Amino acid sequence: MRFDPPLRIAAAALWLPDDCETVIDAVRAGAIEPARAASNGYVQLSVSDIPPPAMAVRAGAAALARAGFGPDEIGLLVHAWTYYQGQDYWEPVHYILNELALYGAAPLGVSLGCNGGFAAVETAASRLLAGPERTALVTTAERFCPPRFDRWASNLDVCYGDSGTALLLQSTPDTGERGPFELLSTANVTDPHLEGMYRGSAPWNTVPFEHAETIDIRTQIRNFMAAGHGPAFGEVVTRSVQQTVQSALDQAGLAADDPRIAVIAPPRFGAEVILHSYTEVLAGLTKAEIVNLGRGTGHLGAGDMAANLADIDAAGMLQPGQIALMLSATAGFSWSGLVVRRS
């Protein structure tokens, strides 16, 4: 999608808990093998003791305060997540609305795995373009905790951290207002032939965890690769990441070698995955620096894109007029990108 004029990103917020688990302690405790810890490159994972929707509230409140918006100015709330939100048969969106006093905002929940943050932004942007809403708050929240989820060992090349994130989007066709960033375009590439990697070969469940006590992505991936899908998977990843970046830039009206493109932020996967699936794949395509922003948090599920933008903002990585690409991916598989310009 191309946004012309661009949508305003009035604020990007990342809320992280004070507690963490360090990789040194995890290796000593046998939670992760030393070789895998080295290849993943995480220093620590953020660990929360509060439920995910409460983290989303804290991130949302920070975004509203940062942008100077009151609750009555928000017309839409879109919340995305990948993992359990703390209650059964319950929608976290209404809790977030109530806690932030967004009584005039329409609620939407988005489920697209680790691409949920992207899907939430694109959904909110579409609503802002169509109206009547002018301002949307997009939140994510994750808590990857025992006993069902092992943040260090449930997956092979990804370790998981807890967080809340928020983006505040605004359409400003009349006023010409500008926030810290402008959203220029979005893009998505999908290959559903790979959906079996994370589904595995276990029978279908009639209730959660009917056939397994914990989430074991490692075994599912190993079995998928052992069945001969490895080479095809690598080819699909390479092609899809390149297509996502090229499509996002095309939609934004940018050449790949445009010197204004300064930063590419991939998802907060392990360092080896980022190297092989992003740094090497995009080598020579753009002049941008590819940054790994997840070493101190872990992968934040649906929150990676918003977290990366918040960190880019806090670190002053972009000068006015410079551009960043926020990239994301989810099992199934799909890849996505946002093109953002510093105002």
Protein backbone atom coordinates (compact mmCIF):
# COMPACT_ATOMS: atom_id res chain seq x y z
CA MET A 1 0.00 0.00 0.00
CA ARG A 2 1.14 3.51 -0.79
CA PHE A 3 0.19 6.37 1.50
CA ASP A 4 0.13 9.66 -0.38
CA PRO A 5 0.03 11.92 1.51
CA PRO A 6 1.85 9.89 4.17
CA LEU A 7 0.17 9.00 7.43
CA ARG A 8 1.62 10.60 10.53
CA ILE A 9 3.23 8.38 13.17
CA ALA A 10 2.81 10.68 16.13
CA ALA A 11 4.54 8.39 18.65
CA ALA A 12 6.23 5.00 18.99
CA ALA A 13 6.51 3.48 22.46
CA LEU A 14 8.15 0.35 23.85
CA TRP A 15 7.44 -0.77 27.40
CA LEU A 16 9.85 -3.31 28.85
CA PRO A 17 9.77 -4.88 32.33
CA ASP A 18 12.60 -4.23 34.76
CA ASP A 19 13.41 -7.92 35.10
CA CYS A 20 15.35 -10.01 32.63
CA GLU A 21 17.05 -13.39 32.25
CA THR A 22 20.64 -13.19 31.05
CA VAL A 23 22.10 -15.64 28.58
CA ILE A 24 24.98 -16.35 30.98
CA ASP A 25 22.55 -17.50 33.66
CA ALA A 26 20.50 -19.43 31.10
CA VAL A 27 23.56 -21.36 29.90
CA ARG A 28 24.63 -22.09 33.47
CA ALA A 29 21.15 -23.37 34.27
CA GLY A 30 21.06 -25.58 31.18
CA ALA A 31 18.16 -23.63 29.69
CA ILE A 32 20.02 -23.17 26.39
CA GLU A 33 23.01 -24.93 24.85
CA PRO A 34 26.20 -22.81 24.71
CA ALA A 35 26.57 -23.20 20.94
CA ARG A 36 22.99 -22.13 20.29
CA ALA A 37 23.32 -19.24 22.73
CA ALA A 38 26.37 -18.05 20.79
CA SER A 39 24.69 -18.31 17.40
CA ASN A 40 21.54 -16.52 18.60
CA GLY A 41 23.56 -13.67 20.05
CA TYR A 42 21.10 -12.56 22.72
CA VAL A 43 22.54 -10.93 25.83
CA GLN A 44 19.31 -11.11 27.83
CA LEU A 45 15.55 -11.58 27.49
CA SER A 46 12.99 -9.24 29.03
CA VAL A 47 10.77 -11.03 31.57
CA SER A 48 7.48 -9.66 32.89
CA ASP A 49 5.34 -10.64 35.86
CA ILE A 50 2.26 -8.72 34.70
CA PRO A 51 -0.28 -9.89 32.09
CA PRO A 52 0.16 -8.83 28.45
CA PRO A 53 -2.84 -6.47 28.19
CA ALA A 54 -1.50 -4.49 31.16
CA MET A 55 1.79 -4.08 29.29
CA ALA A 56 -0.13 -2.85 26.25
CA VAL A 57 -1.85 -0.28 28.47
CA ARG A 58 1.49 1.02 29.73
CA ALA A 59 2.89 1.30 26.21
CA GLY A 60 -0.31 2.94 24.99
CA ALA A 61 -0.29 5.47 27.81
CA ALA A 62 3.33 6.32 27.01
CA ALA A 63 2.51 6.87 23.33
CA LEU A 64 -0.46 9.11 24.14
CA ALA A 65 1.59 11.18 26.58
CA ARG A 66 4.50 11.47 24.18
CA ALA A 67 2.27 12.77 21.39
CA GLY A 68 0.15 14.95 23.66
CA PHE A 69 -3.12 13.24 22.74
CA GLY A 70 -6.10 12.87 25.05
CA PRO A 71 -8.16 9.64 25.22
CA ASP A 72 -11.12 11.33 23.55
CA GLU A 73 -9.01 12.02 20.43
CA ILE A 74 -8.51 8.32 19.60
CA GLY A 75 -11.04 6.88 17.16
CA LEU A 76 -9.66 3.36 16.80
CA LEU A 77 -7.68 0.82 18.85
CA VAL A 78 -6.10 -2.17 17.10
CA HIS A 79 -4.38 -4.73 19.34
CA ALA A 80 -2.23 -7.61 18.06
CA TRP A 81 -0.65 -10.56 19.83
CA THR A 82 0.81 -14.02 19.20
CA TYR A 83 0.61 -15.75 22.58
CA TYR A 84 -1.79 -16.16 25.49
CA GLN A 85 -3.19 -12.89 26.82
CA GLY A 86 -4.04 -14.09 30.33
CA GLN A 87 -7.71 -15.09 30.16
CA ASP A 88 -9.72 -17.72 28.31
CA TYR A 89 -12.56 -16.88 25.90
CA TRP A 90 -11.92 -13.17 26.33
CA GLU A 91 -10.91 -10.23 24.18
CA PRO A 92 -8.03 -8.11 25.52
CA VAL A 93 -8.95 -5.15 23.29
CA HIS A 94 -11.83 -4.04 25.50
CA TYR A 95 -9.65 -4.21 28.61
CA ILE A 96 -7.10 -1.91 26.95
CA LEU A 97 -9.87 0.46 25.84
CA ASN A 98 -11.24 0.66 29.37
CA GLU A 99 -7.89 1.08 31.11
CA LEU A 100 -6.88 3.90 28.75
CA ALA A 101 -10.36 5.48 28.87
CA LEU A 102 -10.66 5.24 25.07
CA TYR A 103 -14.44 5.20 25.34
CA GLY A 104 -15.02 6.65 21.89
CA ALA A 105 -12.63 4.32 20.05
CA ALA A 106 -13.69 1.39 17.89
CA PRO A 107 -12.01 -1.91 18.92
CA LEU A 108 -10.22 -4.39 16.66
CA GLY A 109 -8.12 -7.45 17.47
CA VAL A 110 -5.60 -8.82 14.98
CA SER A 111 -4.09 -12.30 14.93
CA LEU A 112 -1.34 -12.92 12.39
CA GLY A 113 1.42 -14.37 14.53
CA CYS A 114 4.62 -12.37 14.61
CA ASN A 115 3.33 -10.32 11.67
CA GLY A 116 0.43 -9.18 13.82
CA GLY A 117 2.00 -5.79 14.46
CA PHE A 118 2.32 -5.21 10.73
CA ALA A 119 -1.25 -6.37 10.09
CA ALA A 120 -2.52 -4.08 12.86
CA VAL A 121 -0.73 -1.07 11.35
CA GLU A 122 -2.02 -1.81 7.86
CA THR A 123 -5.55 -2.35 9.18
CA ALA A 124 -5.45 0.90 11.14
CA ALA A 125 -4.01 2.76 8.17
CA SER A 126 -6.77 1.47 5.90
CA ARG A 127 -9.41 2.61 8.36
CA LEU A 128 -7.80 6.04 8.63
CA LEU A 129 -7.84 6.40 4.86
CA ALA A 130 -11.46 5.31 4.59
CA GLY A 131 -12.68 7.26 7.62
CA PRO A 132 -14.36 8.37 9.76
CA GLU A 133 -11.50 7.84 12.24
CA ARG A 134 -8.60 10.27 12.11
CA THR A 135 -6.40 8.81 14.85
CA ALA A 136 -5.63 5.18 15.74
CA LEU A 137 -3.66 3.56 18.53
CA VAL A 138 -1.98 0.26 17.60
CA THR A 139 -0.78 -1.90 20.49
CA THR A 140 0.90 -5.28 20.95
CA ALA A 141 1.73 -7.27 24.05
CA GLU A 142 3.44 -10.59 24.71
CA ARG A 143 4.41 -12.68 27.72
CA PHE A 144 6.19 -15.91 26.80
CA CYS A 145 6.20 -17.69 30.13
CA PRO A 146 6.22 -21.18 31.68
CA PRO A 147 4.81 -23.73 32.00
CA ARG A 148 3.63 -23.96 28.39
CA PHE A 149 6.30 -21.79 26.76
CA ASP A 150 10.06 -21.98 27.28
CA ARG A 151 11.41 -18.62 26.15
CA TRP A 152 14.94 -20.06 25.69
CA ALA A 153 14.19 -23.49 24.23
CA SER A 154 10.76 -23.63 22.58
CA ASN A 155 12.31 -22.54 19.26
CA LEU A 156 15.68 -23.15 17.60
CA ASP A 157 17.02 -19.84 16.35
CA VAL A 158 14.76 -17.45 18.25
CA CYS A 159 14.44 -16.68 21.97
CA TYR A 160 11.50 -14.68 23.30
CA GLY A 161 11.06 -11.62 25.49
CA ASP A 162 8.08 -9.87 27.06
CA SER A 163 6.93 -6.38 26.15
CA GLY A 164 4.17 -3.95 25.34
CA THR A 165 4.37 -1.64 22.32
CA ALA A 166 2.28 1.15 20.86
CA LEU A 167 2.16 3.25 17.72
CA LEU A 168 -0.06 6.31 17.36
CA LEU A 169 -1.19 6.88 13.76
CA GLN A 170 -2.97 9.93 12.40
CA SER A 171 -4.30 10.96 9.02
CA THR A 172 -3.69 14.67 8.45
CA PRO A 173 -4.82 15.57 4.92
CA ASP A 174 -6.05 19.01 5.95
CA THR A 175 -3.70 20.25 8.65
CA GLY A 176 -0.41 19.01 7.28
CA GLU A 177 0.75 18.19 10.83
CA ARG A 178 3.82 16.02 11.18
CA GLY A 179 4.92 13.76 14.01
CA PRO A 180 8.32 12.13 14.47
CA PHE A 181 7.70 9.84 11.50
CA GLU A 182 5.64 9.43 8.36
CA LEU A 183 4.37 6.09 7.07
CA LEU A 184 5.05 5.97 3.34
CA SER A 185 4.12 2.40 2.39
CA THR A 186 3.54 -1.20 3.43
CA ALA A 187 4.19 -4.50 1.66
CA ASN A 188 3.57 -8.20 2.28
CA VAL A 189 4.69 -11.45 0.61
CA THR A 190 3.17 -14.83 1.50
CA ASP A 191 4.02 -18.48 0.81
CA PRO A 192 1.46 -20.74 2.53
CA HIS A 193 3.16 -23.90 1.25
CA LEU A 194 5.34 -23.64 4.36
CA GLU A 195 2.53 -23.57 6.92
CA GLY A 196 3.25 -27.15 7.97
CA MET A 197 6.59 -26.25 9.55
CA TYR A 198 5.02 -24.87 12.73
CA ARG A 199 1.89 -27.02 12.63
CA GLY A 200 3.88 -30.25 12.79
CA SER A 201 2.48 -33.74 12.32
CA ALA A 202 0.58 -34.19 15.58
CA PRO A 203 -3.18 -34.86 15.39
CA TRP A 204 -5.54 -31.89 15.47
CA ASN A 205 -6.46 -30.81 19.00
CA THR A 206 -9.99 -30.44 20.28
CA VAL A 207 -8.73 -28.45 23.31
CA PRO A 208 -5.44 -26.60 23.84
CA PHE A 209 -2.44 -28.81 24.60
CA GLU A 210 -4.41 -32.02 24.17
CA HIS A 211 -1.43 -33.84 22.63
CA ALA A 212 1.51 -31.98 24.18
CA GLU A 213 2.19 -30.25 27.48
CA THR A 214 4.44 -27.53 26.05
CA ILE A 215 5.05 -25.63 22.82
CA ASP A 216 7.84 -27.48 20.99
CA ILE A 217 8.65 -25.62 17.78
CA ARG A 218 12.15 -27.12 17.69
CA THR A 219 10.96 -30.64 17.00
CA GLN A 220 8.48 -29.47 14.38
CA ILE A 221 11.16 -27.53 12.49
CA ARG A 222 13.64 -30.41 12.66
CA ASN A 223 11.06 -32.87 11.36
CA PHE A 224 10.09 -30.48 8.57
CA MET A 225 13.70 -30.07 7.49
CA ALA A 226 14.40 -33.80 7.80
CA ALA A 227 11.57 -34.40 5.34
CA GLY A 228 13.65 -32.59 2.71
CA HIS A 229 12.16 -29.09 2.85
CA GLY A 230 15.37 -27.32 3.89
CA PRO A 231 16.73 -26.17 0.50
CA ALA A 232 13.31 -25.01 -0.70
CA PHE A 233 12.77 -23.10 2.52
CA GLY A 234 16.05 -21.22 2.14
CA GLU A 235 15.20 -20.29 -1.43
CA VAL A 236 11.74 -19.07 -0.43
CA VAL A 237 13.13 -16.93 2.40
CA THR A 238 15.69 -15.29 0.14
CA ARG A 239 13.17 -14.55 -2.58
CA SER A 240 10.46 -13.38 -0.20
CA VAL A 241 12.65 -11.00 1.83
CA GLN A 242 13.98 -9.42 -1.36
CA GLN A 243 10.49 -9.13 -2.83
CA THR A 244 9.13 -7.59 0.38
CA VAL A 245 11.82 -4.92 0.49
CA GLN A 246 11.58 -4.15 -3.22
CA SER A 247 7.79 -3.98 -3.13
CA ALA A 248 7.77 -1.69 -0.08
CA LEU A 249 10.26 0.65 -1.74
CA ASP A 250 8.39 0.60 -5.04
CA GLN A 251 5.16 1.48 -3.27
CA ALA A 252 6.95 4.39 -1.59
CA GLY A 253 8.34 5.58 -4.92
CA LEU A 254 11.94 4.95 -3.85
CA ALA A 255 14.85 3.40 -5.71
CA ALA A 256 16.64 0.70 -3.74
CA ASP A 257 19.91 2.65 -3.80
CA ASP A 258 18.36 5.92 -2.64
CA PRO A 259 20.88 7.38 -0.16
CA ARG A 260 18.07 8.55 2.12
CA ILE A 261 17.38 4.91 3.07
CA ALA A 262 19.57 4.76 6.17
CA VAL A 263 18.36 1.88 8.34
CA ILE A 264 16.79 -1.55 7.86
CA ALA A 265 15.48 -3.15 11.05
CA PRO A 266 14.77 -6.88 10.72
CA PRO A 267 12.70 -8.79 13.28
CA ARG A 268 14.37 -9.53 16.60
CA PHE A 269 15.34 -13.07 15.66
CA GLY A 270 18.63 -14.73 16.55
CA ALA A 271 21.79 -13.16 15.14
CA GLU A 272 22.51 -16.07 12.79
CA VAL A 273 19.02 -15.88 11.28
CA ILE A 274 19.38 -12.13 10.79
CA LEU A 275 22.77 -12.66 9.12
CA HIS A 276 21.63 -15.34 6.67
CA SER A 277 18.03 -14.26 6.07
CA TYR A 278 18.47 -10.48 5.99
CA THR A 279 22.04 -9.14 5.96
CA GLU A 280 23.34 -11.52 3.30
CA VAL A 281 20.06 -11.58 1.37
CA LEU A 282 19.90 -7.78 1.11
CA ALA A 283 23.61 -7.22 0.52
CA GLY A 284 24.07 -4.81 -2.38
CA LEU A 285 20.36 -4.07 -2.71
CA THR A 286 20.44 -0.90 -0.59
CA LYS A 287 23.08 1.24 1.10
CA ALA A 288 21.22 1.08 4.42
CA GLU A 289 22.67 -0.23 7.66
CA ILE A 290 20.98 -3.43 8.85
CA VAL A 291 20.64 -3.22 12.63
CA ASN A 292 19.98 -5.96 15.16
CA LEU A 293 17.99 -4.29 17.95
CA GLY A 294 16.88 -7.39 19.83
CA ARG A 295 20.01 -8.58 21.60
CA GLY A 296 18.85 -7.10 24.90
CA THR A 297 15.19 -8.10 24.70
CA GLY A 298 14.68 -11.21 22.57
CA HIS A 299 12.03 -11.58 19.91
CA LEU A 300 8.92 -9.66 20.98
CA GLY A 301 6.37 -11.56 18.91
CA ALA A 302 3.97 -9.16 17.23
CA GLY A 303 5.79 -6.22 18.78
CA ASP A 304 9.09 -6.25 16.89
CA MET A 305 8.23 -3.57 14.33
CA ALA A 306 6.93 -1.02 16.81
CA ALA A 307 9.74 -1.79 19.25
CA ASN A 308 12.34 -1.28 16.54
CA LEU A 309 10.85 2.06 15.53
CA ALA A 310 10.74 3.17 19.16
CA ASP A 311 14.41 2.24 19.62
CA ILE A 312 15.40 3.93 16.36
CA ASP A 313 13.64 7.07 17.58
CA ALA A 314 15.21 6.94 21.04
CA ALA A 315 18.71 6.43 19.62
CA GLY A 316 18.37 9.19 17.04
CA MET A 317 19.33 6.84 14.20
CA LEU A 318 17.49 8.87 11.56
CA GLN A 319 18.04 12.48 10.55
CA PRO A 320 15.12 14.50 9.13
CA GLY A 321 14.26 13.19 5.68
CA GLN A 322 16.02 9.87 6.18
CA ILE A 323 14.14 6.59 5.75
CA ALA A 324 13.97 3.27 7.58
CA LEU A 325 12.46 -0.08 6.67
CA MET A 326 10.79 -2.05 9.45
CA LEU A 327 10.73 -5.74 8.51
CA SER A 328 8.81 -8.62 10.03
CA ALA A 329 8.01 -12.26 9.34
CA THR A 330 5.78 -14.97 10.71
CA ALA A 331 5.51 -18.73 10.44
CA GLY A 332 3.18 -19.94 7.78
CA PHE A 333 4.94 -18.06 6.13
CA SER A 334 4.61 -14.36 5.37
CA TRP A 335 7.04 -11.45 5.28
CA SER A 336 6.19 -7.78 5.64
CA GLY A 337 7.67 -4.31 5.59
CA LEU A 338 6.91 -0.72 6.52
CA VAL A 339 8.69 2.25 4.96
CA VAL A 340 9.01 5.11 7.44
CA ARG A 341 10.51 8.58 6.99
CA ARG A 342 11.79 10.85 9.72
CA SER A 343 9.83 14.10 9.60
